[in-house]
PDB file of N, CA and C in Angstrom:
ATOM      1  N   MET A   1       0.788  -1.220  -0.011  1.00  0.00           N
ATOM      2  CA  MET A   1      -0.053   0.048   0.055  1.00  0.00           C
ATOM      3  C   MET A   1       0.940   1.213   0.003  1.00  0.00           C
ATOM      4  N   PHE A   2       0.462   2.168  -0.807  1.00  0.00           N
ATOM      5  CA  PHE A   2       1.160   3.557  -0.790  1.00  0.00           C
ATOM      6  C   PHE A   2       0.091   4.574  -0.679  1.00  0.00           C
ATOM      7  N   PHE A   3       0.468   5.714  -0.100  1.00  0.00           N
ATOM      8  CA  PHE A   3      -0.285   6.924  -0.067  1.00  0.00           C
ATOM      9  C   PHE A   3       0.531   8.162  -0.315  1.00  0.00           C
ATOM     10  N   TYR A   4      -0.099   9.139  -0.868  1.00  0.00           N
ATOM     11  CA  TYR A   4       0.593  10.439  -1.208  1.00  0.00           C
ATOM     12  C   TYR A   4       0.057  11.537  -0.252  1.00  0.00           C
ATOM     13  N   ARG A   5       1.001  12.105   0.474  1.00  0.00           N
ATOM     14  CA  ARG A   5       0.674  13.161   1.385  1.00  0.00           C
ATOM     15  C   ARG A   5       1.848  14.158   1.622  1.00  0.00           C
ATOM     16  N   ASP A   6       1.564  15.426   1.642  1.00  0.00           N
ATOM     17  CA  ASP A   6       2.542  16.417   1.930  1.00  0.00           C
ATOM     18  C   ASP A   6       3.725  16.275   0.904  1.00  0.00           C
ATOM     19  N   CYS A   7       3.498  16.074  -0.307  1.00  0.00           N
ATOM     20  CA  CYS A   7       4.426  15.971  -1.403  1.00  0.00           C
ATOM     21  C   CYS A   7       5.376  14.701  -1.281  1.00  0.00           C
ATOM     22  N   THR A   8       4.838  13.774  -0.611  1.00  0.00           N
ATOM     23  CA  THR A   8       5.698  12.589  -0.412  1.00  0.00           C
ATOM     24  C   THR A   8       4.834  11.271  -0.617  1.00  0.00           C
ATOM     25  N   VAL A   9       5.519  10.266  -1.219  1.00  0.00           N
ATOM     26  CA  VAL A   9       4.904   8.962  -1.487  1.00  0.00           C
ATOM     27  C   VAL A   9       5.366   8.202  -0.225  1.00  0.00           C
ATOM     28  N   CYS A  10       4.347   7.677   0.480  1.00  0.00           N
ATOM     29  CA  CYS A  10       4.632   6.897   1.703  1.00  0.00           C
ATOM     30  C   CYS A  10       4.264   5.459   1.577  1.00  0.00           C
ATOM     31  N   THR A  11       4.931   4.619   2.136  1.00  0.00           N
ATOM     32  CA  THR A  11       4.659   3.175   2.204  1.00  0.00           C
ATOM     33  C   THR A  11       5.236   2.549   3.395  1.00  0.00           C
ATOM     34  N   PRO A  12       4.495   1.617   3.874  1.00  0.00           N
ATOM     35  CA  PRO A  12       5.061   0.896   5.121  1.00  0.00           C
ATOM     36  C   PRO A  12       6.509   0.323   4.846  1.00  0.00           C
ATOM     37  N   SER A  13       7.321   0.299   5.836  1.00  0.00           N
ATOM     38  CA  SER A  13       8.599  -0.358   5.624  1.00  0.00           C
ATOM     39  C   SER A  13       8.485  -1.781   5.724  1.00  0.00           C
ATOM     40  N   LEU A  14       9.572  -2.476   5.300  1.00  0.00           N
ATOM     41  CA  LEU A  14       9.636  -3.957   5.461  1.00  0.00           C
ATOM     42  C   LEU A  14       9.549  -4.418   6.803  1.00  0.00           C
ATOM     43  N   ALA A  15      10.020  -3.553   7.813  1.00  0.00           N
ATOM     44  CA  ALA A  15       9.976  -3.943   9.243  1.00  0.00           C
ATOM     45  C   ALA A  15       8.593  -4.085   9.685  1.00  0.00           C
ATOM     46  N   CYS A  16       7.624  -3.485   9.016  1.00  0.00           N
ATOM     47  CA  CYS A  16       6.176  -3.616   9.320  1.00  0.00           C
ATOM     48  C   CYS A  16       5.672  -4.935   9.042  1.00  0.00           C
ATOM     49  N   GLY A  17       6.392  -5.845   8.224  1.00  0.00           N
ATOM     50  CA  GLY A  17       5.938  -7.087   7.916  1.00  0.00           C
ATOM     51  C   GLY A  17       5.338  -7.319   6.578  1.00  0.00           C
ATOM     52  N   ILE A  18       5.416  -6.275   5.737  1.00  0.00           N
ATOM     53  CA  ILE A  18       4.884  -6.350   4.411  1.00  0.00           C
ATOM     54  C   ILE A  18       5.796  -7.163   3.419  1.00  0.00           C
ATOM     55  N   LEU A  19       5.247  -7.630   2.369  1.00  0.00           N
ATOM     56  CA  LEU A  19       5.947  -8.407   1.367  1.00  0.00           C
ATOM     57  C   LEU A  19       6.915  -7.418   0.695  1.00  0.00           C
ATOM     58  N   ASP A  20       8.194  -7.766   0.502  1.00  0.00           N
ATOM     59  CA  ASP A  20       9.141  -7.102  -0.218  1.00  0.00           C
ATOM     60  C   ASP A  20       9.036  -7.425  -1.786  1.00  0.00           C
ATOM     61  N   GLY A  21       7.868  -6.905  -2.305  1.00  0.00           N
ATOM     62  CA  GLY A  21       7.517  -7.189  -3.694  1.00  0.00           C
ATOM     63  C   GLY A  21       8.247  -6.592  -4.766  1.00  0.00           C
ATOM     64  N   ILE A  22       8.325  -7.268  -5.913  1.00  0.00           N
ATOM     65  CA  ILE A  22       8.988  -6.675  -7.045  1.00  0.00           C
ATOM     66  C   ILE A  22       8.358  -5.402  -7.498  1.00  0.00           C
ATOM     67  N   THR A  23       7.091  -5.472  -7.640  1.00  0.00           N
ATOM     68  CA  THR A  23       6.332  -4.289  -8.135  1.00  0.00           C
ATOM     69  C   THR A  23       6.532  -3.103  -7.127  1.00  0.00           C
ATOM     70  N   ARG A  24       6.331  -3.363  -5.861  1.00  0.00           N
ATOM     71  CA  ARG A  24       6.640  -2.376  -4.784  1.00  0.00           C
ATOM     72  C   ARG A  24       8.010  -1.761  -5.039  1.00  0.00           C
ATOM     73  N   GLY A  25       9.078  -2.510  -5.211  1.00  0.00           N
ATOM     74  CA  GLY A  25      10.398  -1.994  -5.356  1.00  0.00           C
ATOM     75  C   GLY A  25      10.586  -1.253  -6.638  1.00  0.00           C
ATOM     76  N   ILE A  26      10.024  -1.597  -7.726  1.00  0.00           N
ATOM     77  CA  ILE A  26       9.989  -0.791  -8.999  1.00  0.00           C
ATOM     78  C   ILE A  26       9.293   0.502  -8.795  1.00  0.00           C
ATOM     79  N   VAL A  27       8.146   0.511  -8.208  1.00  0.00           N
ATOM     80  CA  VAL A  27       7.521   1.773  -7.863  1.00  0.00           C
ATOM     81  C   VAL A  27       8.206   2.813  -7.073  1.00  0.00           C
ATOM     82  N   ILE A  28       8.898   2.241  -6.049  1.00  0.00           N
ATOM     83  CA  ILE A  28       9.729   3.128  -5.250  1.00  0.00           C
ATOM     84  C   ILE A  28      10.745   3.633  -6.000  1.00  0.00           C
ATOM     85  N   GLU A  29      11.505   2.789  -6.840  1.00  0.00           N
ATOM     86  CA  GLU A  29      12.509   3.249  -7.639  1.00  0.00           C
ATOM     87  C   GLU A  29      12.059   4.340  -8.604  1.00  0.00           C
ATOM     88  N   LEU A  30      10.957   3.964  -9.321  1.00  0.00           N
ATOM     89  CA  LEU A  30      10.321   5.031 -10.389  1.00  0.00           C
ATOM     90  C   LEU A  30      10.090   6.342  -9.734  1.00  0.00           C
ATOM     91  N   ALA A  31       9.500   6.335  -8.496  1.00  0.00           N
ATOM     92  CA  ALA A  31       9.115   7.546  -7.778  1.00  0.00           C
ATOM     93  C   ALA A  31      10.376   8.437  -7.519  1.00  0.00           C
ATOM     94  N   GLY A  32      11.399   7.662  -7.036  1.00  0.00           N
ATOM     95  CA  GLY A  32      12.677   8.450  -6.822  1.00  0.00           C
ATOM     96  C   GLY A  32      13.324   8.974  -8.078  1.00  0.00           C
ATOM     97  N   ARG A  33      13.265   8.180  -9.086  1.00  0.00           N
ATOM     98  CA  ARG A  33      13.786   8.543 -10.382  1.00  0.00           C
ATOM     99  C   ARG A  33      13.092   9.764 -10.971  1.00  0.00           C
ATOM    100  N   GLU A  34      11.789   9.886 -10.649  1.00  0.00           N
ATOM    101  CA  GLU A  34      10.992  11.096 -11.106  1.00  0.00           C
ATOM    102  C   GLU A  34      11.095  12.280 -10.146  1.00  0.00           C
ATOM    103  N   GLY A  35      11.909  12.154  -9.194  1.00  0.00           N
ATOM    104  CA  GLY A  35      12.165  13.255  -8.222  1.00  0.00           C
ATOM    105  C   GLY A  35      11.146  13.358  -7.148  1.00  0.00           C
ATOM    106  N   LEU A  36      10.282  12.329  -6.942  1.00  0.00           N
ATOM    107  CA  LEU A  36       9.339  12.287  -5.845  1.00  0.00           C
ATOM    108  C   LEU A  36      10.044  11.797  -4.624  1.00  0.00           C
ATOM    109  N   SER A  37       9.620  12.500  -3.483  1.00  0.00           N
ATOM    110  CA  SER A  37      10.206  12.040  -2.135  1.00  0.00           C
ATOM    111  C   SER A  37       9.434  10.790  -1.755  1.00  0.00           C
ATOM    112  N   VAL A  38      10.106   9.701  -1.262  1.00  0.00           N
ATOM    113  CA  VAL A  38       9.589   8.565  -0.864  1.00  0.00           C
ATOM    114  C   VAL A  38      10.005   8.309   0.587  1.00  0.00           C
ATOM    115  N   LYS A  39       8.993   8.020   1.416  1.00  0.00           N
ATOM    116  CA  LYS A  39       9.204   7.644   2.833  1.00  0.00           C
ATOM    117  C   LYS A  39       8.704   6.311   3.143  1.00  0.00           C
ATOM    118  N   GLU A  40       9.583   5.419   3.686  1.00  0.00           N
ATOM    119  CA  GLU A  40       9.083   4.153   4.178  1.00  0.00           C
ATOM    120  C   GLU A  40       9.157   4.190   5.658  1.00  0.00           C
ATOM    121  N   GLY A  41       8.058   3.639   6.308  1.00  0.00           N
ATOM    122  CA  GLY A  41       8.069   3.803   7.757  1.00  0.00           C
ATOM    123  C   GLY A  41       6.823   3.002   8.319  1.00  0.00           C
ATOM    124  N   ALA A  42       6.616   3.370   9.511  1.00  0.00           N
ATOM    125  CA  ALA A  42       5.376   2.870  10.247  1.00  0.00           C
ATOM    126  C   ALA A  42       4.359   3.949  10.232  1.00  0.00           C
ATOM    127  N   PHE A  43       3.176   3.708   9.725  1.00  0.00           N
ATOM    128  CA  PHE A  43       2.162   4.797   9.652  1.00  0.00           C
ATOM    129  C   PHE A  43       0.943   4.315  10.364  1.00  0.00           C
ATOM    130  N   THR A  44       0.228   5.393  10.699  1.00  0.00           N
ATOM    131  CA  THR A  44      -1.122   5.068  11.409  1.00  0.00           C
ATOM    132  C   THR A  44      -2.248   5.226  10.493  1.00  0.00           C
ATOM    133  N   ARG A  45      -3.418   4.892  10.987  1.00  0.00           N
ATOM    134  CA  ARG A  45      -4.668   5.060  10.223  1.00  0.00           C
ATOM    135  C   ARG A  45      -4.893   6.556   9.920  1.00  0.00           C
ATOM    136  N   ALA A  46      -4.584   7.325  10.964  1.00  0.00           N
ATOM    137  CA  ALA A  46      -4.713   8.853  10.721  1.00  0.00           C
ATOM    138  C   ALA A  46      -3.806   9.320   9.668  1.00  0.00           C
ATOM    139  N   ASP A  47      -2.682   8.775   9.462  1.00  0.00           N
ATOM    140  CA  ASP A  47      -1.802   9.153   8.265  1.00  0.00           C
ATOM    141  C   ASP A  47      -2.435   8.833   6.985  1.00  0.00           C
ATOM    142  N   LEU A  48      -2.979   7.585   6.982  1.00  0.00           N
ATOM    143  CA  LEU A  48      -3.684   7.024   5.789  1.00  0.00           C
ATOM    144  C   LEU A  48      -4.831   8.008   5.519  1.00  0.00           C
ATOM    145  N   TYR A  49      -5.655   8.332   6.461  1.00  0.00           N
ATOM    146  CA  TYR A  49      -6.946   8.987   6.328  1.00  0.00           C
ATOM    147  C   TYR A  49      -6.609  10.476   5.785  1.00  0.00           C
ATOM    148  N   SER A  50      -5.377  10.909   6.125  1.00  0.00           N
ATOM    149  CA  SER A  50      -5.116  12.382   5.740  1.00  0.00           C
ATOM    150  C   SER A  50      -4.459  12.383   4.295  1.00  0.00           C
ATOM    151  N   ALA A  51      -4.311  11.251   3.674  1.00  0.00           N
ATOM    152  CA  ALA A  51      -3.687  11.250   2.409  1.00  0.00           C
ATOM    153  C   ALA A  51      -4.490  11.855   1.375  1.00  0.00           C
ATOM    154  N   GLU A  52      -3.805  12.366   0.229  1.00  0.00           N
ATOM    155  CA  GLU A  52      -4.451  12.990  -0.803  1.00  0.00           C
ATOM    156  C   GLU A  52      -4.917  11.864  -1.775  1.00  0.00           C
ATOM    157  N   GLU A  53      -4.080  10.901  -1.902  1.00  0.00           N
ATOM    158  CA  GLU A  53      -4.541   9.690  -2.756  1.00  0.00           C
ATOM    159  C   GLU A  53      -3.793   8.416  -2.134  1.00  0.00           C
ATOM    160  N   VAL A  54      -4.436   7.310  -2.453  1.00  0.00           N
ATOM    161  CA  VAL A  54      -3.920   5.956  -1.982  1.00  0.00           C
ATOM    162  C   VAL A  54      -3.896   5.044  -3.180  1.00  0.00           C
ATOM    163  N   PHE A  55      -2.906   4.222  -3.315  1.00  0.00           N
ATOM    164  CA  PHE A  55      -2.853   3.163  -4.263  1.00  0.00           C
ATOM    165  C   PHE A  55      -2.112   1.928  -3.751  1.00  0.00           C
ATOM    166  N   VAL A  56      -2.331   0.769  -4.325  1.00  0.00           N
ATOM    167  CA  VAL A  56      -1.741  -0.418  -3.975  1.00  0.00           C
ATOM    168  C   VAL A  56      -0.912  -0.921  -5.217  1.00  0.00           C
ATOM    169  N   THR A  57       0.044  -1.871  -4.945  1.00  0.00           N
ATOM    170  CA  THR A  57       0.729  -2.435  -6.079  1.00  0.00           C
ATOM    171  C   THR A  57       0.725  -3.932  -5.839  1.00  0.00           C
ATOM    172  N   ASN A  58       0.700  -4.644  -7.044  1.00  0.00           N
ATOM    173  CA  ASN A  58       1.066  -5.971  -6.990  1.00  0.00           C
ATOM    174  C   ASN A  58       1.256  -6.394  -8.514  1.00  0.00           C
ATOM    175  N   THR A  59       1.688  -7.667  -8.662  1.00  0.00           N
ATOM    176  CA  THR A  59       1.995  -8.078  -9.944  1.00  0.00           C
ATOM    177  C   THR A  59       0.787  -8.068 -10.978  1.00  0.00           C
ATOM    178  N   THR A  60      -0.383  -8.436 -10.462  1.00  0.00           N
ATOM    179  CA  THR A  60      -1.542  -8.575 -11.321  1.00  0.00           C
ATOM    180  C   THR A  60      -2.139  -7.186 -11.619  1.00  0.00           C
ATOM    181  N   MET A  61      -2.355  -6.349 -10.597  1.00  0.00           N
ATOM    182  CA  MET A  61      -2.954  -5.008 -10.784  1.00  0.00           C
ATOM    183  C   MET A  61      -1.888  -3.927 -11.092  1.00  0.00           C
ATOM    184  N   GLU A  62      -0.627  -4.293 -10.841  1.00  0.00           N
ATOM    185  CA  GLU A  62       0.403  -3.244 -11.095  1.00  0.00           C
ATOM    186  C   GLU A  62       0.300  -2.064 -10.044  1.00  0.00           C
ATOM    187  N   VAL A  63      -0.170  -0.867 -10.654  1.00  0.00           N
ATOM    188  CA  VAL A  63      -0.434   0.263  -9.792  1.00  0.00           C
ATOM    189  C   VAL A  63      -1.985   0.461  -9.820  1.00  0.00           C
ATOM    190  N   MET A  64      -2.624   0.314  -8.671  1.00  0.00           N
ATOM    191  CA  MET A  64      -4.080   0.391  -8.746  1.00  0.00           C
ATOM    192  C   MET A  64      -4.527   1.493  -7.678  1.00  0.00           C
ATOM    193  N   PRO A  65      -5.243   2.491  -8.118  1.00  0.00           N
ATOM    194  CA  PRO A  65      -5.712   3.448  -7.187  1.00  0.00           C
ATOM    195  C   PRO A  65      -6.777   2.969  -6.192  1.00  0.00           C
ATOM    196  N   VAL A  66      -6.806   3.365  -5.026  1.00  0.00           N
ATOM    197  CA  VAL A  66      -7.752   2.956  -4.092  1.00  0.00           C
ATOM    198  C   VAL A  66      -8.733   4.199  -3.878  1.00  0.00           C
ATOM    199  N   LEU A  67     -10.007   3.814  -3.860  1.00  0.00           N
ATOM    200  CA  LEU A  67     -11.039   5.004  -3.859  1.00  0.00           C
ATOM    201  C   LEU A  67     -11.598   5.073  -2.465  1.00  0.00           C
ATOM    202  N   LYS A  68     -11.444   4.115  -1.671  1.00  0.00           N
ATOM    203  CA  LYS A  68     -12.070   4.176  -0.339  1.00  0.00           C
ATOM    204  C   LYS A  68     -11.342   3.322   0.725  1.00  0.00           C
ATOM    205  N   VAL A  69     -11.070   3.813   1.918  1.00  0.00           N
ATOM    206  CA  VAL A  69     -10.567   3.055   2.983  1.00  0.00           C
ATOM    207  C   VAL A  69     -11.447   3.355   4.213  1.00  0.00           C
ATOM    208  N   ASP A  70     -12.202   2.421   4.814  1.00  0.00           N
ATOM    209  CA  ASP A  70     -13.186   2.640   5.691  1.00  0.00           C
ATOM    210  C   ASP A  70     -14.159   3.598   5.178  1.00  0.00           C
ATOM    211  N   SER A  71     -14.407   4.697   5.865  1.00  0.00           N
ATOM    212  CA  SER A  71     -15.444   5.694   5.306  1.00  0.00           C
ATOM    213  C   SER A  71     -14.657   6.894   4.549  1.00  0.00           C
ATOM    214  N   GLN A  72     -13.297   6.814   4.604  1.00  0.00           N
ATOM    215  CA  GLN A  72     -12.593   7.956   3.871  1.00  0.00           C
ATOM    216  C   GLN A  72     -12.465   7.576   2.394  1.00  0.00           C
ATOM    217  N   GLN A  73     -12.879   8.593   1.604  1.00  0.00           N
ATOM    218  CA  GLN A  73     -12.895   8.489   0.108  1.00  0.00           C
ATOM    219  C   GLN A  73     -11.759   9.277  -0.414  1.00  0.00           C
ATOM    220  N   TYR A  74     -11.228   8.716  -1.607  1.00  0.00           N
ATOM    221  CA  TYR A  74     -10.094   9.246  -2.270  1.00  0.00           C
ATOM    222  C   TYR A  74     -10.491   9.332  -3.752  1.00  0.00           C
ATOM    223  N   LYS A  75      -9.792  10.310  -4.450  1.00  0.00           N
ATOM    224  CA  LYS A  75      -9.942  10.485  -5.858  1.00  0.00           C
ATOM    225  C   LYS A  75      -8.800   9.899  -6.472  1.00  0.00           C
ATOM    226  N   VAL A  76      -8.878   9.436  -7.766  1.00  0.00           N
ATOM    227  CA  VAL A  76      -7.695   8.948  -8.413  1.00  0.00           C
ATOM    228  C   VAL A  76      -6.813  10.103  -8.771  1.00  0.00           C
ATOM    229  N   GLY A  77      -5.603  10.175  -8.235  1.00  0.00           N
ATOM    230  CA  GLY A  77      -4.849  11.350  -8.219  1.00  0.00           C
ATOM    231  C   GLY A  77      -3.625  11.363  -9.356  1.00  0.00           C
ATOM    232  N   LYS A  78      -3.055  12.425  -9.473  1.00  0.00           N
ATOM    233  CA  LYS A  78      -1.984  12.531 -10.586  1.00  0.00           C
ATOM    234  C   LYS A  78      -0.762  11.613 -10.281  1.00  0.00           C
ATOM    235  N   ILE A  79      -0.487  11.426  -8.919  1.00  0.00           N
ATOM    236  CA  ILE A  79       0.702  10.582  -8.550  1.00  0.00           C
ATOM    237  C   ILE A  79       0.423   9.141  -8.993  1.00  0.00           C
ATOM    238  N   SER A  80      -0.694   8.686  -8.560  1.00  0.00           N
ATOM    239  CA  SER A  80      -0.943   7.212  -8.997  1.00  0.00           C
ATOM    240  C   SER A  80      -1.074   7.095 -10.436  1.00  0.00           C
ATOM    241  N   LYS A  81      -1.570   7.952 -11.121  1.00  0.00           N
ATOM    242  CA  LYS A  81      -1.721   7.849 -12.612  1.00  0.00           C
ATOM    243  C   LYS A  81      -0.219   7.993 -13.167  1.00  0.00           C
ATOM    244  N   LEU A  82       0.556   8.803 -12.690  1.00  0.00           N
ATOM    245  CA  LEU A  82       1.991   9.030 -13.246  1.00  0.00           C
ATOM    246  C   LEU A  82       2.725   7.744 -12.996  1.00  0.00           C
ATOM    247  N   LEU A  83       2.677   7.217 -11.765  1.00  0.00           N
ATOM    248  CA  LEU A  83       3.416   6.038 -11.415  1.00  0.00           C
ATOM    249  C   LEU A  83       2.863   4.798 -12.189  1.00  0.00           C
ATOM    250  N   ARG A  84       1.609   4.700 -12.439  1.00  0.00           N
ATOM    251  CA  ARG A  84       1.021   3.550 -13.287  1.00  0.00           C
ATOM    252  C   ARG A  84       1.570   3.654 -14.650  1.00  0.00           C
ATOM    253  N   THR A  85       1.583   4.879 -15.271  1.00  0.00           N
ATOM    254  CA  THR A  85       2.180   5.063 -16.622  1.00  0.00           C
ATOM    255  C   THR A  85       3.642   4.690 -16.681  1.00  0.00           C
ATOM    256  N   PHE A  86       4.361   5.182 -15.751  1.00  0.00           N
ATOM    257  CA  PHE A  86       5.724   4.930 -15.824  1.00  0.00           C
ATOM    258  C   PHE A  86       6.077   3.373 -15.498  1.00  0.00           C
ATOM    259  N   TYR A  87       5.312   2.846 -14.734  1.00  0.00           N
ATOM    260  CA  TYR A  87       5.391   1.305 -14.462  1.00  0.00           C
ATOM    261  C   TYR A  87       5.204   0.664 -15.811  1.00  0.00           C
ATOM    262  N   ARG A  88       4.101   0.949 -16.423  1.00  0.00           N
ATOM    263  CA  ARG A  88       3.640   0.268 -17.710  1.00  0.00           C
ATOM    264  C   ARG A  88       4.865   0.431 -18.730  1.00  0.00           C
ATOM    265  N   GLN A  89       5.364   1.583 -18.766  1.00  0.00           N
ATOM    266  CA  GLN A  89       6.523   1.891 -19.709  1.00  0.00           C
ATOM    267  C   GLN A  89       7.710   0.973 -19.260  1.00  0.00           C
ATOM    268  N   GLU A  90       8.003   0.905 -18.097  1.00  0.00           N
ATOM    269  CA  GLU A  90       9.212   0.064 -17.626  1.00  0.00           C
ATOM    270  C   GLU A  90       8.951  -1.452 -17.994  1.00  0.00           C
ATOM    271  N   VAL A  91       7.707  -1.888 -17.778  1.00  0.00           N
ATOM    272  CA  VAL A  91       7.439  -3.311 -18.189  1.00  0.00           C
ATOM    273  C   VAL A  91       7.496  -3.391 -19.626  1.00  0.00           C
ATOM    274  N   ASN A  92       6.895  -2.633 -20.363  1.00  0.00           N
ATOM    275  CA  ASN A  92       6.995  -2.725 -21.879  1.00  0.00           C
ATOM    276  C   ASN A  92       8.441  -2.626 -22.397  1.00  0.00           C
ATOM    277  N   ALA A  93       9.232  -1.860 -21.796  1.00  0.00           N
ATOM    278  CA  ALA A  93      10.770  -1.738 -22.203  1.00  0.00           C
ATOM    279  C   ALA A  93      11.441  -3.042 -21.767  1.00  0.00           C
ATOM    280  N   TYR A  94      11.152  -3.606 -20.688  1.00  0.00           N
ATOM    281  CA  TYR A  94      11.808  -4.787 -20.243  1.00  0.00           C
ATOM    282  C   TYR A  94      11.399  -5.959 -21.211  1.00  0.00           C
ATOM    283  N   VAL A  95      10.195  -6.119 -21.537  1.00  0.00           N
ATOM    284  CA  VAL A  95       9.627  -7.119 -22.553  1.00  0.00           C
ATOM    285  C   VAL A  95      10.229  -6.851 -23.850  1.00  0.00           C
ATOM    286  N   ALA A  96      10.388  -5.641 -24.387  1.00  0.00           N
ATOM    287  CA  ALA A  96      11.056  -5.435 -25.624  1.00  0.00           C
ATOM    288  C   ALA A  96      12.505  -5.849 -25.590  1.00  0.00           C
ATOM    289  N   ASN A  97      13.176  -5.482 -24.581  1.00  0.00           N
ATOM    290  CA  ASN A  97      14.684  -5.927 -24.463  1.00  0.00           C
ATOM    291  C   ASN A  97      14.853  -7.341 -24.404  1.00  0.00           C
ATOM    292  N   VAL A  98      13.929  -8.105 -23.666  1.00  0.00           N
ATOM    293  CA  VAL A  98      14.059  -9.548 -23.634  1.00  0.00           C
ATOM    294  C   VAL A  98      13.788 -10.149 -25.007  1.00  0.00           C
ATOM    295  N   LYS A  99      12.822  -9.634 -25.694  1.00  0.00           N
ATOM    296  CA  LYS A  99      12.588 -10.175 -27.028  1.00  0.00           C
ATOM    297  C   LYS A  99      13.684  -9.900 -27.978  1.00  0.00           C
ATOM    298  N   ALA A 100      14.326  -8.744 -27.845  1.00  0.00           N
ATOM    299  CA  ALA A 100      15.414  -8.364 -28.748  1.00  0.00           C
ATOM    300  C   ALA A 100      16.655  -9.263 -28.503  1.00  0.00           C
ATOM    301  N   GLU A 101      16.752  -9.788 -27.389  1.00  0.00           N
ATOM    302  CA  GLU A 101      17.999 -10.624 -26.936  1.00  0.00           C
ATOM    303  C   GLU A 101      18.051 -11.907 -27.801  1.00  0.00           C
ATOM    304  N   GLY A 102      16.943 -12.345 -28.505  1.00  0.00           N
ATOM    305  CA  GLY A 102      17.034 -13.524 -29.226  1.00  0.00           C
ATOM    306  C   GLY A 102      16.104 -14.565 -28.744  1.00  0.00           C
ATOM    307  N   PRO A 103      16.502 -15.888 -28.967  1.00  0.00           N
ATOM    308  CA  PRO A 103      15.696 -16.972 -28.535  1.00  0.00           C
ATOM    309  C   PRO A 103      15.162 -16.873 -27.115  1.00  0.00           C
ATOM    310  N   SER A 104      13.980 -17.076 -26.948  1.00  0.00           N
ATOM    311  CA  SER A 104      13.304 -16.957 -25.687  1.00  0.00           C
ATOM    312  C   SER A 104      11.955 -17.638 -25.711  1.00  0.00           C
ATOM    313  N   LEU A 105      11.205 -17.383 -24.657  1.00  0.00           N
ATOM    314  CA  LEU A 105       9.839 -17.797 -24.509  1.00  0.00           C
ATOM    315  C   LEU A 105       9.006 -17.444 -25.763  1.00  0.00           C
ATOM    316  N   TRP A 106       9.335 -16.275 -26.406  1.00  0.00           N
ATOM    317  CA  TRP A 106       8.571 -15.801 -27.450  1.00  0.00           C
ATOM    318  C   TRP A 106       9.099 -16.246 -28.791  1.00  0.00           C
ATOM    319  N   GLY A 107      10.299 -16.899 -28.812  1.00  0.00           N
ATOM    320  CA  GLY A 107      10.820 -17.393 -30.077  1.00  0.00           C
ATOM    321  C   GLY A 107      11.866 -16.339 -30.629  1.00  0.00           C
ATOM    322  N   GLN A 108      12.592 -16.764 -31.604  1.00  0.00           N
ATOM    323  CA  GLN A 108      13.548 -15.856 -32.199  1.00  0.00           C
ATOM    324  C   GLN A 108      12.933 -14.604 -32.771  1.00  0.00           C
ATOM    325  N   GLY A 109      13.393 -13.448 -32.506  1.00  0.00           N
ATOM    326  CA  GLY A 109      12.936 -12.205 -33.062  1.00  0.00           C
ATOM    327  C   GLY A 109      11.504 -11.854 -32.823  1.00  0.00           C
ATOM    328  N   GLY A 110      10.848 -12.401 -31.847  1.00  0.00           N
ATOM    329  CA  GLY A 110       9.455 -11.987 -31.350  1.00  0.00           C
ATOM    330  C   GLY A 110       8.527 -12.805 -32.096  1.00  0.00           C
TER     331      GLY A 110
END
């Protein structure tokens, strides 16, 4: 889970017991690469409720905005849209590079 508040992308740290997922790591890297401040730590519900936007990441949904947590509603924001776009570009570039390397799951030359 990620949330955006006070010009910072926030996510629980691994010490909180969350999965050290590949998608999570890529999103953190992309946020930093785009000049966004990223903070990993222990957060409270109040922190989450005060967020401008919330999104989750995983392999299947990639970057997915969250519209509601308990009774707190959120809009799909520019940060989750931006990171979703950059994530898709990163995946597409990776797939293109793998295909260009030659024989693979997709066969020679794609």
